[in-house]
Amino acid sequence: MLISLLVSTIAATGSGRTRQAADLRRNAQLRAEADGGVEEAVFHLLDSSKAHWAADGSIHRVRRGDTLLSLQLVSQAGRVNPNRASPELLAALLQAVGVDGRRATVLAAGIVTWRYPNGGLASMPGGGAGRDDLPPGAPFESIAELGLVPGIGPGLLASLAPHLSLYRDGDPEVAAADPVVREAIRALAGPDAADGDAAEAPVRPDDTLVAVTVLATDAAGRRFERRTIVQTNAAGAGGRPFRIMSVEMPSG
């Protein structure tokens, strides 16, 4: 009986480890498929033929064996960069997501102060000396860091995040902006701004800075998602005509 119990235990342990190893192998395969999907999406993005994929948010589905890849490219040209945006634009964006005017102005000032050297106190007599509770005085390193700015909690950050990008150098392009950013831009322009601006004109989205999201799903329902920010007007590693600016794994 003892020998039978021992054999059963060893067999069960070995079977469990075999399944675990198989799961790890399949997860690694899904990761590799997702990474390959990023390369394929960028290939179509750069393709000037009829096979070109625009960075317009469309979903493209590609099957690789028993893995289904869902690929999406979204231009970042219409996003607001919290490291570069003016206090006025930040306040207008905050109002566009539902923050009242006075609080929006205060929060926008807090965002600018956060990225300003010594929390904006460097020019004041003795400003910042010996203080360890000041903002870092450096650019935001992630969108999530905005949640550390006083007054911006998880809820407000969740509302702002879809409209922000740390990699956009200039102001957002109206034609590529989503409705919330367009509202902010229009509010900033004032009531005297001309109606029927370029935001309504059909244009090809700017594809020099693009978010590429790839969801790999296998026949058993296992999923792996990869999200990258790709810059196409700069050479990357290995001489490729694009550069990976950031890599995220929203889910696994």
C-alpha atoms as a PDB file:
ATOM      1  CA  MET A   1       0.000   0.000   0.000  1.00  0.00           C
ATOM      2  CA  LEU A   2       2.802   2.382   0.882  1.00  0.00           C
ATOM      3  CA  ILE A   3       4.568   1.632  -2.392  1.00  0.00           C
ATOM      4  CA  SER A   4       1.321   2.178  -4.327  1.00  0.00           C
ATOM      5  CA  LEU A   5       0.754   5.504  -2.544  1.00  0.00           C
ATOM      6  CA  LEU A   6       4.315   6.581  -3.259  1.00  0.00           C
ATOM      7  CA  VAL A   7       4.008   5.667  -6.937  1.00  0.00           C
ATOM      8  CA  SER A   8       0.683   7.533  -7.210  1.00  0.00           C
ATOM      9  CA  THR A   9       2.157  10.622  -5.566  1.00  0.00           C
ATOM     10  CA  ILE A  10       5.190  10.636  -7.865  1.00  0.00           C
ATOM     11  CA  ALA A  11       2.970  10.146 -10.917  1.00  0.00           C
ATOM     12  CA  ALA A  12       0.638  12.977  -9.884  1.00  0.00           C
ATOM     13  CA  THR A  13       3.566  15.299  -9.208  1.00  0.00           C
ATOM     14  CA  GLY A  14       5.170  14.447 -12.532  1.00  0.00           C
ATOM     15  CA  SER A  15       1.881  14.983 -14.388  1.00  0.00           C
ATOM     16  CA  GLY A  16       1.385  18.363 -12.715  1.00  0.00           C
ATOM     17  CA  ARG A  17       4.871  19.493 -13.608  1.00  0.00           C
ATOM     18  CA  THR A  18       4.381  18.327 -17.185  1.00  0.00           C
ATOM     19  CA  ARG A  19       1.214  20.411 -17.460  1.00  0.00           C
ATOM     20  CA  GLN A  20       2.988  23.380 -15.881  1.00  0.00           C
ATOM     21  CA  ALA A  21       5.861  23.077 -18.340  1.00  0.00           C
ATOM     22  CA  ALA A  22       3.391  22.862 -21.234  1.00  0.00           C
ATOM     23  CA  ASP A  23       1.592  25.997 -20.022  1.00  0.00           C
ATOM     24  CA  LEU A  24       4.867  27.889 -19.699  1.00  0.00           C
ATOM     25  CA  ARG A  25       5.883  26.801 -23.178  1.00  0.00           C
ATOM     26  CA  ARG A  26       2.541  27.861 -24.673  1.00  0.00           C
ATOM     27  CA  ASN A  27       2.662  31.222 -22.893  1.00  0.00           C
ATOM     28  CA  ALA A  28       6.143  31.783 -24.288  1.00  0.00           C
ATOM     29  CA  GLN A  29       4.844  30.915 -27.746  1.00  0.00           C
ATOM     30  CA  LEU A  30       1.998  33.427 -27.375  1.00  0.00           C
ATOM     31  CA  ARG A  31       4.493  36.105 -26.329  1.00  0.00           C
ATOM     32  CA  ALA A  32       6.587  35.345 -29.395  1.00  0.00           C
ATOM     33  CA  GLU A  33       3.504  35.449 -31.626  1.00  0.00           C
ATOM     34  CA  ALA A  34       2.527  38.835 -30.160  1.00  0.00           C
ATOM     35  CA  ASP A  35       6.021  40.226 -30.704  1.00  0.00           C
ATOM     36  CA  GLY A  36       5.906  38.980 -34.277  1.00  0.00           C
ATOM     37  CA  GLY A  37       2.542  40.670 -34.637  1.00  0.00           C
ATOM     38  CA  VAL A  38       4.112  44.024 -33.737  1.00  0.00           C
ATOM     39  CA  GLU A  39       6.664  43.565 -36.515  1.00  0.00           C
ATOM     40  CA  GLU A  40       3.921  42.611 -38.974  1.00  0.00           C
ATOM     41  CA  ALA A  41       1.787  45.623 -38.024  1.00  0.00           C
ATOM     42  CA  VAL A  42       4.704  48.005 -38.525  1.00  0.00           C
ATOM     43  CA  PHE A  43       5.499  46.344 -41.870  1.00  0.00           C
ATOM     44  CA  HIS A  44       1.978  47.127 -43.091  1.00  0.00           C
ATOM     45  CA  LEU A  45       2.148  50.611 -41.577  1.00  0.00           C
ATOM     46  CA  LEU A  46       5.264  51.406 -43.624  1.00  0.00           C
ATOM     47  CA  ASP A  47       3.976  49.694 -46.768  1.00  0.00           C
ATOM     48  CA  SER A  48       2.985  52.259 -49.411  1.00  0.00           C
ATOM     49  CA  SER A  49       1.053  49.735 -51.525  1.00  0.00           C
ATOM     50  CA  LYS A  50      -2.562  48.630 -51.188  1.00  0.00           C
ATOM     51  CA  ALA A  51      -1.437  46.459 -48.266  1.00  0.00           C
ATOM     52  CA  HIS A  52      -0.870  49.605 -46.166  1.00  0.00           C
ATOM     53  CA  TRP A  53      -2.578  49.696 -42.779  1.00  0.00           C
ATOM     54  CA  ALA A  54      -3.553  53.180 -41.609  1.00  0.00           C
ATOM     55  CA  ALA A  55      -3.069  54.149 -37.969  1.00  0.00           C
ATOM     56  CA  ASP A  56      -6.802  54.780 -37.639  1.00  0.00           C
ATOM     57  CA  GLY A  57      -7.727  52.296 -34.922  1.00  0.00           C
ATOM     58  CA  SER A  58      -9.010  49.587 -37.265  1.00  0.00           C
ATOM     59  CA  ILE A  59      -8.660  45.982 -36.071  1.00  0.00           C
ATOM     60  CA  HIS A  60      -6.756  43.622 -38.379  1.00  0.00           C
ATOM     61  CA  ARG A  61      -6.973  39.872 -37.745  1.00  0.00           C
ATOM     62  CA  VAL A  62      -4.281  37.443 -38.820  1.00  0.00           C
ATOM     63  CA  ARG A  63      -4.185  33.701 -38.113  1.00  0.00           C
ATOM     64  CA  ARG A  64      -0.913  31.930 -37.397  1.00  0.00           C
ATOM     65  CA  GLY A  65      -1.596  28.215 -36.982  1.00  0.00           C
ATOM     66  CA  ASP A  66      -3.935  27.882 -34.011  1.00  0.00           C
ATOM     67  CA  THR A  67      -3.178  31.451 -32.847  1.00  0.00           C
ATOM     68  CA  LEU A  68      -5.377  34.387 -33.808  1.00  0.00           C
ATOM     69  CA  LEU A  69      -3.687  37.799 -33.781  1.00  0.00           C
ATOM     70  CA  SER A  70      -5.795  40.949 -33.433  1.00  0.00           C
ATOM     71  CA  LEU A  71      -3.693  43.960 -34.405  1.00  0.00           C
ATOM     72  CA  GLN A  72      -4.567  47.620 -33.956  1.00  0.00           C
ATOM     73  CA  LEU A  73      -2.616  50.753 -34.899  1.00  0.00           C
ATOM     74  CA  VAL A  74      -3.573  54.128 -33.410  1.00  0.00           C
ATOM     75  CA  SER A  75      -1.869  57.409 -34.265  1.00  0.00           C
ATOM     76  CA  GLN A  76      -0.592  59.365 -31.279  1.00  0.00           C
ATOM     77  CA  ALA A  77      -0.581  62.669 -33.182  1.00  0.00           C
ATOM     78  CA  GLY A  78      -3.777  63.792 -31.489  1.00  0.00           C
ATOM     79  CA  ARG A  79      -2.565  63.103 -27.940  1.00  0.00           C
ATOM     80  CA  VAL A  80      -1.527  65.701 -25.350  1.00  0.00           C
ATOM     81  CA  ASN A  81       1.979  65.425 -23.892  1.00  0.00           C
ATOM     82  CA  PRO A  82       1.846  66.335 -20.173  1.00  0.00           C
ATOM     83  CA  ASN A  83       5.581  67.048 -20.273  1.00  0.00           C
ATOM     84  CA  ARG A  84       5.183  69.753 -22.912  1.00  0.00           C
ATOM     85  CA  ALA A  85       1.597  70.994 -22.868  1.00  0.00           C
ATOM     86  CA  SER A  86       0.858  74.502 -21.664  1.00  0.00           C
ATOM     87  CA  PRO A  87      -1.112  75.019 -18.429  1.00  0.00           C
ATOM     88  CA  GLU A  88      -3.980  76.360 -20.540  1.00  0.00           C
ATOM     89  CA  LEU A  89      -4.169  73.235 -22.706  1.00  0.00           C
ATOM     90  CA  LEU A  90      -3.921  70.967 -19.673  1.00  0.00           C
ATOM     91  CA  ALA A  91      -6.716  72.913 -17.933  1.00  0.00           C
ATOM     92  CA  ALA A  92      -8.878  72.694 -21.055  1.00  0.00           C
ATOM     93  CA  LEU A  93      -8.294  68.934 -21.268  1.00  0.00           C
ATOM     94  CA  LEU A  94      -9.175  68.512 -17.599  1.00  0.00           C
ATOM     95  CA  GLN A  95     -12.408  70.410 -18.155  1.00  0.00           C
ATOM     96  CA  ALA A  96     -13.138  68.271 -21.207  1.00  0.00           C
ATOM     97  CA  VAL A  97     -13.065  65.131 -19.016  1.00  0.00           C
ATOM     98  CA  GLY A  98     -15.440  66.708 -16.490  1.00  0.00           C
ATOM     99  CA  VAL A  99     -13.342  68.719 -14.027  1.00  0.00           C
ATOM    100  CA  ASP A 100     -14.812  72.120 -13.131  1.00  0.00           C
ATOM    101  CA  GLY A 101     -12.975  75.235 -14.305  1.00  0.00           C
ATOM    102  CA  ARG A 102     -11.353  76.402 -11.063  1.00  0.00           C
ATOM    103  CA  ARG A 103     -10.163  72.933 -10.047  1.00  0.00           C
ATOM    104  CA  ALA A 104      -8.926  72.281 -13.584  1.00  0.00           C
ATOM    105  CA  THR A 105      -6.745  75.387 -13.416  1.00  0.00           C
ATOM    106  CA  VAL A 106      -5.293  74.313 -10.061  1.00  0.00           C
ATOM    107  CA  LEU A 107      -4.597  70.768 -11.248  1.00  0.00           C
ATOM    108  CA  ALA A 108      -3.007  71.996 -14.491  1.00  0.00           C
ATOM    109  CA  ALA A 109      -0.702  74.236 -12.445  1.00  0.00           C
ATOM    110  CA  GLY A 110       0.142  71.216 -10.284  1.00  0.00           C
ATOM    111  CA  ILE A 111       1.113  69.174 -13.354  1.00  0.00           C
ATOM    112  CA  VAL A 112       3.389  71.954 -14.621  1.00  0.00           C
ATOM    113  CA  THR A 113       4.891  72.419 -11.155  1.00  0.00           C
ATOM    114  CA  TRP A 114       5.589  68.690 -10.958  1.00  0.00           C
ATOM    115  CA  ARG A 115       7.774  68.781 -14.066  1.00  0.00           C
ATOM    116  CA  TYR A 116       9.437  72.120 -13.286  1.00  0.00           C
ATOM    117  CA  PRO A 117      12.895  72.131 -11.616  1.00  0.00           C
ATOM    118  CA  ASN A 118      12.611  72.239  -7.816  1.00  0.00           C
ATOM    119  CA  GLY A 119       8.853  72.300  -7.985  1.00  0.00           C
ATOM    120  CA  GLY A 120       8.901  75.823  -9.412  1.00  0.00           C
ATOM    121  CA  LEU A 121      10.617  77.258  -6.325  1.00  0.00           C
ATOM    122  CA  ALA A 122      14.163  77.490  -7.666  1.00  0.00           C
ATOM    123  CA  SER A 123      13.864  81.196  -8.447  1.00  0.00           C
ATOM    124  CA  MET A 124      12.477  82.108  -5.022  1.00  0.00           C
ATOM    125  CA  PRO A 125      14.763  83.252  -2.160  1.00  0.00           C
ATOM    126  CA  GLY A 126      15.905  80.038  -0.516  1.00  0.00           C
ATOM    127  CA  GLY A 127      13.358  78.235  -2.627  1.00  0.00           C
ATOM    128  CA  GLY A 128      13.368  74.513  -2.102  1.00  0.00           C
ATOM    129  CA  ALA A 129      16.508  74.419   0.053  1.00  0.00           C
ATOM    130  CA  GLY A 130      16.357  71.513   2.453  1.00  0.00           C
ATOM    131  CA  ARG A 131      12.927  70.449   1.228  1.00  0.00           C
ATOM    132  CA  ASP A 132      12.335  66.766   0.515  1.00  0.00           C
ATOM    133  CA  ASP A 133       8.574  66.986  -0.101  1.00  0.00           C
ATOM    134  CA  LEU A 134       8.755  68.808  -3.431  1.00  0.00           C
ATOM    135  CA  PRO A 135       7.823  67.407  -6.842  1.00  0.00           C
ATOM    136  CA  PRO A 136      10.749  65.804  -8.704  1.00  0.00           C
ATOM    137  CA  GLY A 137      11.195  68.730 -11.088  1.00  0.00           C
ATOM    138  CA  ALA A 138      11.697  66.368 -13.999  1.00  0.00           C
ATOM    139  CA  PRO A 139       9.589  65.132 -16.924  1.00  0.00           C
ATOM    140  CA  PHE A 140       6.977  62.493 -16.215  1.00  0.00           C
ATOM    141  CA  GLU A 141       8.450  59.055 -16.879  1.00  0.00           C
ATOM    142  CA  SER A 142       5.066  57.395 -17.297  1.00  0.00           C
ATOM    143  CA  ILE A 143       1.426  58.377 -17.621  1.00  0.00           C
ATOM    144  CA  ALA A 144       0.801  56.590 -14.317  1.00  0.00           C
ATOM    145  CA  GLU A 145       3.087  59.100 -12.573  1.00  0.00           C
ATOM    146  CA  LEU A 146       0.423  61.775 -13.066  1.00  0.00           C
ATOM    147  CA  GLY A 147      -1.539  59.971 -10.391  1.00  0.00           C
ATOM    148  CA  LEU A 148       1.027  61.231  -7.859  1.00  0.00           C
ATOM    149  CA  VAL A 149       0.185  64.872  -8.577  1.00  0.00           C
ATOM    150  CA  PRO A 150      -1.932  66.199  -5.686  1.00  0.00           C
ATOM    151  CA  GLY A 151      -5.595  66.130  -6.606  1.00  0.00           C
ATOM    152  CA  ILE A 152      -5.282  63.599  -9.434  1.00  0.00           C
ATOM    153  CA  GLY A 153      -6.493  60.274  -8.148  1.00  0.00           C
ATOM    154  CA  PRO A 154      -6.979  56.945  -9.919  1.00  0.00           C
ATOM    155  CA  GLY A 155     -10.390  57.891 -11.308  1.00  0.00           C
ATOM    156  CA  LEU A 156      -9.279  61.137 -12.914  1.00  0.00           C
ATOM    157  CA  LEU A 157      -6.073  59.524 -14.163  1.00  0.00           C
ATOM    158  CA  ALA A 158      -8.139  56.815 -15.861  1.00  0.00           C
ATOM    159  CA  SER A 159     -10.153  59.531 -17.622  1.00  0.00           C
ATOM    160  CA  LEU A 160      -7.046  61.426 -18.755  1.00  0.00           C
ATOM    161  CA  ALA A 161      -4.788  58.539 -19.789  1.00  0.00           C
ATOM    162  CA  PRO A 162      -6.468  57.702 -23.153  1.00  0.00           C
ATOM    163  CA  HIS A 163      -5.780  61.268 -24.324  1.00  0.00           C
ATOM    164  CA  LEU A 164      -2.118  61.515 -23.289  1.00  0.00           C
ATOM    165  CA  SER A 165       1.240  60.499 -24.764  1.00  0.00           C
ATOM    166  CA  LEU A 166       4.742  61.125 -23.469  1.00  0.00           C
ATOM    167  CA  TYR A 167       6.245  60.806 -26.938  1.00  0.00           C
ATOM    168  CA  ARG A 168       4.398  63.535 -28.808  1.00  0.00           C
ATOM    169  CA  ASP A 169       6.773  66.503 -29.215  1.00  0.00           C
ATOM    170  CA  GLY A 170       4.379  69.194 -30.394  1.00  0.00           C
ATOM    171  CA  ASP A 171       0.803  70.204 -29.698  1.00  0.00           C
ATOM    172  CA  PRO A 172      -1.858  67.661 -30.665  1.00  0.00           C
ATOM    173  CA  GLU A 173      -3.013  67.674 -34.279  1.00  0.00           C
ATOM    174  CA  VAL A 174      -6.691  68.565 -34.390  1.00  0.00           C
ATOM    175  CA  ALA A 175      -7.420  66.288 -37.351  1.00  0.00           C
ATOM    176  CA  ALA A 176      -5.979  63.260 -35.510  1.00  0.00           C
ATOM    177  CA  ALA A 177      -7.385  64.098 -32.078  1.00  0.00           C
ATOM    178  CA  ASP A 178     -10.201  62.218 -30.380  1.00  0.00           C
ATOM    179  CA  PRO A 179     -13.412  64.106 -29.474  1.00  0.00           C
ATOM    180  CA  VAL A 180     -12.214  64.949 -25.947  1.00  0.00           C
ATOM    181  CA  VAL A 181      -8.947  66.498 -27.124  1.00  0.00           C
ATOM    182  CA  ARG A 182     -10.798  68.326 -29.906  1.00  0.00           C
ATOM    183  CA  GLU A 183     -13.139  69.796 -27.323  1.00  0.00           C
ATOM    184  CA  ALA A 184     -10.147  70.986 -25.293  1.00  0.00           C
ATOM    185  CA  ILE A 185      -8.502  72.556 -28.342  1.00  0.00           C
ATOM    186  CA  ARG A 186     -11.704  74.315 -29.348  1.00  0.00           C
ATOM    187  CA  ALA A 187     -12.269  75.606 -25.823  1.00  0.00           C
ATOM    188  CA  LEU A 188      -8.720  76.925 -25.785  1.00  0.00           C
ATOM    189  CA  ALA A 189      -9.238  78.645 -29.138  1.00  0.00           C
ATOM    190  CA  GLY A 190     -12.215  80.545 -27.746  1.00  0.00           C
ATOM    191  CA  PRO A 191     -15.723  81.294 -29.040  1.00  0.00           C
ATOM    192  CA  ASP A 192     -14.427  83.448 -31.900  1.00  0.00           C
ATOM    193  CA  ALA A 193     -12.562  80.547 -33.533  1.00  0.00           C
ATOM    194  CA  ALA A 194     -13.716  79.690 -37.039  1.00  0.00           C
ATOM    195  CA  ASP A 195     -16.279  76.903 -37.371  1.00  0.00           C
ATOM    196  CA  GLY A 196     -15.733  73.825 -39.494  1.00  0.00           C
ATOM    197  CA  ASP A 197     -12.021  73.477 -38.805  1.00  0.00           C
ATOM    198  CA  ALA A 198      -9.692  70.811 -40.155  1.00  0.00           C
ATOM    199  CA  ALA A 199     -10.853  68.393 -37.489  1.00  0.00           C
ATOM    200  CA  GLU A 200     -13.816  67.545 -39.680  1.00  0.00           C
ATOM    201  CA  ALA A 201     -11.786  67.047 -42.858  1.00  0.00           C
ATOM    202  CA  PRO A 202     -10.933  63.462 -43.839  1.00  0.00           C
ATOM    203  CA  VAL A 203      -7.163  63.144 -43.572  1.00  0.00           C
ATOM    204  CA  ARG A 204      -4.697  60.308 -43.338  1.00  0.00           C
ATOM    205  CA  PRO A 205      -3.647  59.971 -39.686  1.00  0.00           C
ATOM    206  CA  ASP A 206      -0.058  60.879 -38.871  1.00  0.00           C
ATOM    207  CA  ASP A 207       1.831  57.592 -38.684  1.00  0.00           C
ATOM    208  CA  THR A 208       5.172  58.807 -37.348  1.00  0.00           C
ATOM    209  CA  LEU A 209       4.172  57.951 -33.772  1.00  0.00           C
ATOM    210  CA  VAL A 210       1.816  55.010 -33.398  1.00  0.00           C
ATOM    211  CA  ALA A 211       0.527  52.774 -30.617  1.00  0.00           C
ATOM    212  CA  VAL A 212       0.534  49.146 -31.795  1.00  0.00           C
ATOM    213  CA  THR A 213      -1.574  46.715 -29.777  1.00  0.00           C
ATOM    214  CA  VAL A 214      -1.455  42.993 -30.487  1.00  0.00           C
ATOM    215  CA  LEU A 215      -3.689  40.427 -28.800  1.00  0.00           C
ATOM    216  CA  ALA A 216      -2.653  36.803 -29.343  1.00  0.00           C
ATOM    217  CA  THR A 217      -5.313  34.173 -28.567  1.00  0.00           C
ATOM    218  CA  ASP A 218      -4.915  30.407 -28.965  1.00  0.00           C
ATOM    219  CA  ALA A 219      -7.506  27.684 -29.489  1.00  0.00           C
ATOM    220  CA  ALA A 220      -7.682  27.008 -25.738  1.00  0.00           C
ATOM    221  CA  GLY A 221      -8.562  30.629 -25.008  1.00  0.00           C
ATOM    222  CA  ARG A 222      -5.182  31.612 -23.587  1.00  0.00           C
ATOM    223  CA  ARG A 223      -4.371  35.246 -24.313  1.00  0.00           C
ATOM    224  CA  PHE A 224      -1.346  37.504 -24.340  1.00  0.00           C
ATOM    225  CA  GLU A 225      -1.481  41.208 -25.145  1.00  0.00           C
ATOM    226  CA  ARG A 226       1.449  43.398 -26.141  1.00  0.00           C
ATOM    227  CA  ARG A 227       1.270  47.178 -26.539  1.00  0.00           C
ATOM    228  CA  THR A 228       4.117  49.197 -27.984  1.00  0.00           C
ATOM    229  CA  ILE A 229       4.710  52.787 -29.006  1.00  0.00           C
ATOM    230  CA  VAL A 230       6.519  52.909 -32.352  1.00  0.00           C
ATOM    231  CA  GLN A 231       8.266  55.870 -33.974  1.00  0.00           C
ATOM    232  CA  THR A 232       8.573  55.441 -37.733  1.00  0.00           C
ATOM    233  CA  ASN A 233      10.673  58.487 -38.631  1.00  0.00           C
ATOM    234  CA  ALA A 234      13.766  57.323 -36.740  1.00  0.00           C
ATOM    235  CA  ALA A 235      16.054  54.339 -37.339  1.00  0.00           C
ATOM    236  CA  GLY A 236      15.915  51.625 -34.728  1.00  0.00           C
ATOM    237  CA  ALA A 237      18.220  48.821 -33.676  1.00  0.00           C
ATOM    238  CA  GLY A 238      19.622  46.732 -36.495  1.00  0.00           C
ATOM    239  CA  GLY A 239      18.989  49.453 -39.038  1.00  0.00           C
ATOM    240  CA  ARG A 240      15.213  48.937 -39.013  1.00  0.00           C
ATOM    241  CA  PRO A 241      13.196  51.952 -40.269  1.00  0.00           C
ATOM    242  CA  PHE A 242      11.413  52.372 -36.944  1.00  0.00           C
ATOM    243  CA  ARG A 243      12.149  52.576 -33.244  1.00  0.00           C
ATOM    244  CA  ILE A 244      10.331  50.952 -30.326  1.00  0.00           C
ATOM    245  CA  MET A 245       9.755  53.757 -27.814  1.00  0.00           C
ATOM    246  CA  SER A 246       8.044  51.719 -25.102  1.00  0.00           C
ATOM    247  CA  VAL A 247       6.721  48.222 -24.469  1.00  0.00           C
ATOM    248  CA  GLU A 248       3.801  47.356 -22.222  1.00  0.00           C
ATOM    249  CA  MET A 249       2.003  44.139 -21.304  1.00  0.00           C
ATOM    250  CA  PRO A 250      -1.532  45.195 -20.308  1.00  0.00           C
ATOM    251  CA  SER A 251      -2.581  41.601 -19.745  1.00  0.00           C
ATOM    252  CA  GLY A 252      -1.191  38.090 -19.958  1.00  0.00           C
END
